[in-house]
Amino acid sequence: MIWAVEVQCAGNRRVGWTCFAAIRQDGGVVSEHEIRVAPGDLARLAPWATDPTDLVERSVAFLLDREAPTSILRTFDLMVIGQFFPAYEATIRAGR
């Protein structure tokens, strides 16, 4: 299945970011998620990035490869993904 993921993030490197991800299919929103990203997590997973938008998009795509949009938690810290999927961090850092 092909999903479109739209991400908007607010915050900064001092306090971290809150990102809102909408997962769409055929123009309609299937699910929405609030994802918190700590500055240290951005630095570790995407050291080249100035904000976490791309990282969150790739992380949501990682989740969509493994579960339905409605199975993804509505609100979570980004690093929680690794608790459910141990390959998360290595996969994201590899840019896959």
N, C-alpha and C. Protein backbone atom coordinates (compact mmCIF):
# COMPACT_ATOMS: atom_id res chain seq x y z
N MET A 1 0.83 -1.17 0.00
CA MET A 1 0.00 0.00 0.00
C MET A 1 0.88 1.25 0.00
N ILE A 2 0.47 2.27 -0.69
CA ILE A 2 1.24 3.51 -0.77
C ILE A 2 0.59 4.57 0.10
N TRP A 3 1.39 5.10 1.01
CA TRP A 3 0.94 6.14 1.93
C TRP A 3 1.69 7.42 1.66
N ALA A 4 1.04 8.54 1.88
CA ALA A 4 1.72 9.84 1.85
C ALA A 4 1.84 10.29 3.30
N VAL A 5 3.03 10.74 3.67
CA VAL A 5 3.26 11.18 5.05
C VAL A 5 3.63 12.66 5.00
N GLU A 6 2.88 13.45 5.76
CA GLU A 6 3.14 14.89 5.88
C GLU A 6 3.55 15.17 7.32
N VAL A 7 4.68 15.86 7.48
CA VAL A 7 5.20 16.13 8.82
C VAL A 7 5.46 17.62 8.99
N GLN A 8 5.04 18.14 10.13
CA GLN A 8 5.35 19.51 10.52
C GLN A 8 5.91 19.47 11.93
N CYS A 9 7.06 20.13 12.14
CA CYS A 9 7.71 20.12 13.44
C CYS A 9 7.86 21.54 13.98
N ALA A 10 7.73 21.66 15.29
CA ALA A 10 7.96 22.93 15.97
C ALA A 10 8.88 22.67 17.15
N GLY A 11 9.81 23.58 17.39
CA GLY A 11 10.73 23.44 18.51
C GLY A 11 12.12 23.88 18.09
N ASN A 12 13.12 23.45 18.87
CA ASN A 12 14.50 23.82 18.57
C ASN A 12 15.46 22.87 19.28
N ARG A 13 16.75 23.05 19.02
CA ARG A 13 17.77 22.17 19.60
C ARG A 13 17.89 22.31 21.11
N ARG A 14 17.39 23.37 21.67
CA ARG A 14 17.48 23.57 23.12
C ARG A 14 16.43 22.75 23.87
N VAL A 15 15.20 22.75 23.38
CA VAL A 15 14.11 22.08 24.10
C VAL A 15 13.58 20.83 23.40
N GLY A 16 13.99 20.62 22.15
CA GLY A 16 13.47 19.49 21.39
C GLY A 16 12.31 19.93 20.52
N TRP A 17 11.69 18.97 19.85
CA TRP A 17 10.64 19.27 18.88
C TRP A 17 9.41 18.41 19.14
N THR A 18 8.28 18.95 18.78
CA THR A 18 7.05 18.19 18.69
C THR A 18 6.65 18.20 17.23
N CYS A 19 6.48 17.03 16.67
CA CYS A 19 6.15 16.90 15.26
C CYS A 19 4.76 16.27 15.11
N PHE A 20 4.04 16.77 14.14
CA PHE A 20 2.72 16.23 13.84
C PHE A 20 2.79 15.57 12.47
N ALA A 21 2.46 14.28 12.43
CA ALA A 21 2.51 13.51 11.20
C ALA A 21 1.11 13.09 10.80
N ALA A 22 0.76 13.38 9.57
CA ALA A 22 -0.52 12.94 9.01
C ALA A 22 -0.22 11.88 7.96
N ILE A 23 -0.86 10.75 8.07
CA ILE A 23 -0.70 9.69 7.10
C ILE A 23 -1.95 9.71 6.22
N ARG A 24 -1.70 9.88 4.92
CA ARG A 24 -2.80 10.03 3.97
C ARG A 24 -2.81 8.90 2.94
N GLN A 25 -4.00 8.63 2.46
CA GLN A 25 -4.17 7.71 1.34
C GLN A 25 -5.34 8.22 0.50
N ASP A 26 -5.14 8.29 -0.79
CA ASP A 26 -6.16 8.78 -1.71
C ASP A 26 -6.70 10.14 -1.30
N GLY A 27 -5.81 11.01 -0.80
CA GLY A 27 -6.19 12.37 -0.45
C GLY A 27 -6.81 12.55 0.92
N GLY A 28 -7.16 11.47 1.58
CA GLY A 28 -7.77 11.56 2.90
C GLY A 28 -6.80 11.19 4.01
N VAL A 29 -7.02 11.75 5.19
CA VAL A 29 -6.18 11.44 6.34
C VAL A 29 -6.64 10.11 6.94
N VAL A 30 -5.70 9.18 7.05
CA VAL A 30 -5.98 7.86 7.63
C VAL A 30 -5.71 7.89 9.13
N SER A 31 -4.62 8.55 9.53
CA SER A 31 -4.29 8.68 10.95
C SER A 31 -3.37 9.88 11.16
N GLU A 32 -3.37 10.38 12.41
CA GLU A 32 -2.52 11.51 12.78
C GLU A 32 -1.76 11.15 14.05
N HIS A 33 -0.51 11.66 14.15
CA HIS A 33 0.36 11.27 15.24
C HIS A 33 1.17 12.46 15.73
N GLU A 34 1.39 12.52 17.03
CA GLU A 34 2.26 13.52 17.64
C GLU A 34 3.51 12.80 18.10
N ILE A 35 4.66 13.24 17.58
CA ILE A 35 5.92 12.56 17.85
C ILE A 35 6.91 13.56 18.42
N ARG A 36 7.43 13.25 19.60
CA ARG A 36 8.39 14.14 20.25
C ARG A 36 9.81 13.66 19.93
N VAL A 37 10.68 14.64 19.62
CA VAL A 37 12.08 14.32 19.27
C VAL A 37 12.99 15.14 20.18
N ALA A 38 13.83 14.44 20.93
CA ALA A 38 14.80 15.11 21.81
C ALA A 38 16.01 15.54 20.97
N PRO A 39 16.66 16.64 21.37
CA PRO A 39 17.84 17.10 20.63
C PRO A 39 18.92 16.03 20.49
N GLY A 40 19.17 15.25 21.53
CA GLY A 40 20.19 14.20 21.47
C GLY A 40 19.84 13.09 20.50
N ASP A 41 18.54 12.81 20.37
CA ASP A 41 18.12 11.77 19.43
C ASP A 41 18.33 12.23 17.99
N LEU A 42 18.03 13.49 17.71
CA LEU A 42 18.29 14.02 16.37
C LEU A 42 19.79 13.99 16.07
N ALA A 43 20.59 14.39 17.04
CA ALA A 43 22.04 14.41 16.85
C ALA A 43 22.59 13.01 16.58
N ARG A 44 22.03 12.00 17.23
CA ARG A 44 22.52 10.63 17.07
C ARG A 44 22.03 9.99 15.76
N LEU A 45 20.74 10.21 15.42
CA LEU A 45 20.15 9.52 14.27
C LEU A 45 20.32 10.28 12.96
N ALA A 46 20.42 11.60 13.03
CA ALA A 46 20.55 12.42 11.82
C ALA A 46 21.44 13.61 12.12
N PRO A 47 22.73 13.39 12.36
CA PRO A 47 23.62 14.46 12.80
C PRO A 47 23.75 15.62 11.81
N TRP A 48 23.44 15.40 10.56
CA TRP A 48 23.52 16.44 9.54
C TRP A 48 22.29 17.34 9.54
N ALA A 49 21.20 16.92 10.20
CA ALA A 49 19.92 17.64 10.12
C ALA A 49 19.87 18.83 11.07
N THR A 50 19.19 19.87 10.63
CA THR A 50 18.98 21.04 11.49
C THR A 50 17.63 20.97 12.19
N ASP A 51 16.72 20.15 11.67
CA ASP A 51 15.45 19.89 12.33
C ASP A 51 15.05 18.45 12.02
N PRO A 52 14.09 17.90 12.75
CA PRO A 52 13.80 16.47 12.63
C PRO A 52 12.77 16.08 11.57
N THR A 53 12.36 17.00 10.70
CA THR A 53 11.29 16.68 9.76
C THR A 53 11.59 15.44 8.93
N ASP A 54 12.74 15.39 8.29
CA ASP A 54 13.11 14.24 7.46
C ASP A 54 13.22 12.97 8.30
N LEU A 55 13.81 13.08 9.47
CA LEU A 55 13.95 11.93 10.36
C LEU A 55 12.58 11.37 10.74
N VAL A 56 11.64 12.22 11.06
CA VAL A 56 10.30 11.76 11.44
C VAL A 56 9.60 11.14 10.22
N GLU A 57 9.75 11.75 9.05
CA GLU A 57 9.16 11.16 7.84
C GLU A 57 9.70 9.75 7.60
N ARG A 58 11.01 9.59 7.70
CA ARG A 58 11.62 8.28 7.50
C ARG A 58 11.20 7.30 8.59
N SER A 59 11.03 7.79 9.80
CA SER A 59 10.62 6.93 10.92
C SER A 59 9.19 6.45 10.74
N VAL A 60 8.32 7.33 10.29
CA VAL A 60 6.93 6.93 10.03
C VAL A 60 6.89 5.93 8.87
N ALA A 61 7.70 6.16 7.83
CA ALA A 61 7.77 5.20 6.72
C ALA A 61 8.26 3.84 7.21
N PHE A 62 9.25 3.85 8.11
CA PHE A 62 9.74 2.62 8.73
C PHE A 62 8.58 1.88 9.40
N LEU A 63 7.79 2.62 10.17
CA LEU A 63 6.64 2.00 10.85
C LEU A 63 5.62 1.46 9.86
N LEU A 64 5.34 2.22 8.81
CA LEU A 64 4.34 1.80 7.83
C LEU A 64 4.76 0.55 7.07
N ASP A 65 6.06 0.29 6.99
CA ASP A 65 6.54 -0.96 6.38
C ASP A 65 6.25 -2.16 7.27
N ARG A 66 5.90 -1.90 8.54
CA ARG A 66 5.76 -2.98 9.51
C ARG A 66 4.37 -3.09 10.13
N GLU A 67 3.56 -2.03 10.03
CA GLU A 67 2.24 -2.07 10.63
C GLU A 67 1.30 -1.08 9.95
N ALA A 68 0.03 -1.26 10.21
CA ALA A 68 -1.00 -0.38 9.65
C ALA A 68 -0.95 0.99 10.32
N PRO A 69 -1.33 2.04 9.61
CA PRO A 69 -1.30 3.38 10.21
C PRO A 69 -2.11 3.47 11.50
N THR A 70 -3.21 2.78 11.56
CA THR A 70 -4.06 2.84 12.75
C THR A 70 -3.47 2.06 13.92
N SER A 71 -2.41 1.29 13.68
CA SER A 71 -1.73 0.57 14.76
C SER A 71 -0.61 1.40 15.39
N ILE A 72 -0.21 2.47 14.72
CA ILE A 72 0.86 3.33 15.23
C ILE A 72 0.31 4.16 16.39
N LEU A 73 1.09 4.25 17.46
CA LEU A 73 0.67 5.04 18.62
C LEU A 73 0.33 6.46 18.19
N ARG A 74 -0.66 7.05 18.83
CA ARG A 74 -1.09 8.42 18.49
C ARG A 74 -0.08 9.46 18.97
N THR A 75 0.53 9.23 20.13
CA THR A 75 1.48 10.15 20.72
C THR A 75 2.63 9.34 21.29
N PHE A 76 3.88 9.71 20.92
CA PHE A 76 5.02 8.95 21.44
C PHE A 76 6.32 9.72 21.24
N ASP A 77 7.32 9.34 22.03
CA ASP A 77 8.68 9.82 21.85
C ASP A 77 9.31 8.98 20.74
N LEU A 78 10.06 9.60 19.88
CA LEU A 78 10.63 8.92 18.72
C LEU A 78 11.35 7.63 19.09
N MET A 79 12.13 7.64 20.16
CA MET A 79 12.93 6.48 20.50
C MET A 79 12.12 5.28 21.00
N VAL A 80 10.84 5.47 21.23
CA VAL A 80 9.97 4.35 21.62
C VAL A 80 9.89 3.32 20.49
N ILE A 81 10.08 3.78 19.26
CA ILE A 81 10.00 2.86 18.12
C ILE A 81 10.97 1.69 18.30
N GLY A 82 12.16 1.97 18.80
CA GLY A 82 13.16 0.92 19.00
C GLY A 82 12.76 -0.12 20.03
N GLN A 83 11.86 0.23 20.94
CA GLN A 83 11.38 -0.74 21.93
C GLN A 83 10.49 -1.78 21.27
N PHE A 84 9.78 -1.39 20.22
CA PHE A 84 8.91 -2.31 19.50
C PHE A 84 9.62 -2.98 18.33
N PHE A 85 10.57 -2.25 17.72
CA PHE A 85 11.29 -2.75 16.56
C PHE A 85 12.79 -2.52 16.77
N PRO A 86 13.50 -3.53 17.29
CA PRO A 86 14.91 -3.37 17.63
C PRO A 86 15.81 -2.92 16.47
N ALA A 87 15.42 -3.18 15.24
CA ALA A 87 16.23 -2.78 14.08
C ALA A 87 16.05 -1.32 13.71
N TYR A 88 15.17 -0.60 14.39
CA TYR A 88 14.85 0.77 14.03
C TYR A 88 16.08 1.67 13.93
N GLU A 89 16.83 1.78 14.99
CA GLU A 89 17.93 2.74 15.01
C GLU A 89 18.97 2.44 13.94
N ALA A 90 19.36 1.19 13.81
CA ALA A 90 20.35 0.84 12.79
C ALA A 90 19.82 1.10 11.38
N THR A 91 18.56 0.82 11.15
CA THR A 91 17.96 1.04 9.83
C THR A 91 17.90 2.53 9.51
N ILE A 92 17.48 3.34 10.46
CA ILE A 92 17.36 4.79 10.24
C ILE A 92 18.74 5.41 10.06
N ARG A 93 19.69 5.01 10.86
CA ARG A 93 21.04 5.57 10.74
C ARG A 93 21.68 5.20 9.41
N ALA A 94 21.32 4.04 8.88
CA ALA A 94 21.86 3.60 7.58
C ALA A 94 21.18 4.32 6.42
N GLY A 95 20.11 5.06 6.72
CA GLY A 95 19.42 5.82 5.69
C GLY A 95 18.48 4.99 4.84
N ARG A 96 18.06 3.86 5.36
CA ARG A 96 17.15 2.99 4.60
C ARG A 96 15.72 3.28 4.93
